[in-house]
Protein backbone atom coordinates (compact mmCIF):
# COMPACT_ATOMS: atom_id res chain seq x y z
CA MET A 1 112.77 -221.37 52.57
CA THR A 2 115.52 -223.58 51.14
CA ALA A 3 116.58 -220.79 48.76
CA CYS A 4 117.45 -218.55 51.71
CA PRO A 5 121.11 -218.35 52.76
CA ALA A 6 122.11 -220.86 55.43
CA GLU A 7 123.31 -218.12 57.78
CA TRP A 8 119.84 -216.57 58.05
CA SER A 9 117.87 -217.26 61.21
CA GLU A 10 114.79 -219.46 61.07
CA GLU A 11 112.66 -216.40 61.85
CA ARG A 12 114.10 -214.48 58.90
CA ARG A 13 113.60 -217.47 56.57
CA GLN A 14 109.96 -217.76 57.62
CA GLY A 15 109.45 -214.03 57.16
CA VAL A 16 110.87 -214.09 53.65
CA ALA A 17 108.79 -217.16 52.77
CA ALA A 18 105.63 -215.45 54.04
CA MET A 19 106.46 -212.32 52.03
CA VAL A 20 106.94 -214.37 48.85
CA VAL A 21 103.62 -216.16 49.35
CA ALA A 22 101.85 -212.84 49.98
CA THR A 23 103.41 -211.39 46.85
CA LEU A 24 102.29 -214.38 44.78
CA ARG A 25 98.75 -214.02 46.11
CA GLY A 26 98.74 -210.35 45.15
CA LEU A 27 100.04 -211.15 41.67
CA LEU A 28 97.37 -213.80 41.21
CA LEU A 29 94.69 -211.32 42.21
CA GLU A 30 96.13 -208.75 39.83
CA ARG A 31 96.09 -211.30 37.02
CA LEU A 32 92.46 -212.26 37.72
CA VAL A 33 90.88 -208.83 38.20
CA GLY A 34 93.49 -206.33 37.11
CA ASP A 35 96.04 -205.98 34.37
CA PRO A 36 97.74 -209.26 33.39
CA ALA A 37 100.74 -207.33 32.06
CA THR A 38 101.27 -205.83 35.52
CA ALA A 39 101.09 -209.29 37.08
CA ASP A 40 103.61 -210.61 34.54
CA ALA A 41 106.01 -207.76 35.28
CA GLY A 42 105.63 -208.32 39.01
CA LEU A 43 106.30 -212.03 38.66
CA ALA A 44 109.40 -211.36 36.57
CA ALA A 45 110.67 -208.96 39.23
CA LEU A 46 110.00 -211.49 41.99
CA LEU A 47 111.81 -214.26 40.10
CA SER A 48 114.85 -212.08 39.46
CA THR A 49 114.95 -211.14 43.14
CA LEU A 50 114.71 -214.78 44.22
CA ALA A 51 117.50 -215.66 41.79
CA LEU A 52 119.76 -213.36 43.81
CA LEU A 53 119.20 -215.58 46.85
CA ASP A 54 120.25 -218.74 45.03
CA PRO A 55 123.83 -219.57 46.06
CA ARG A 56 124.49 -221.51 42.82
């Protein structure tokens, strides 16, 4: 939640955090029972998206 912009409401921060956790769970499941390459691509996409939130 600390990566979210300061001007976002607490509700929006919590929603984004919950979405990230759900995405990570899905990627873990994909890695375990699906195609690891798909999970790697999904993780790379998530990380690049989260980098956009970083104000640095």
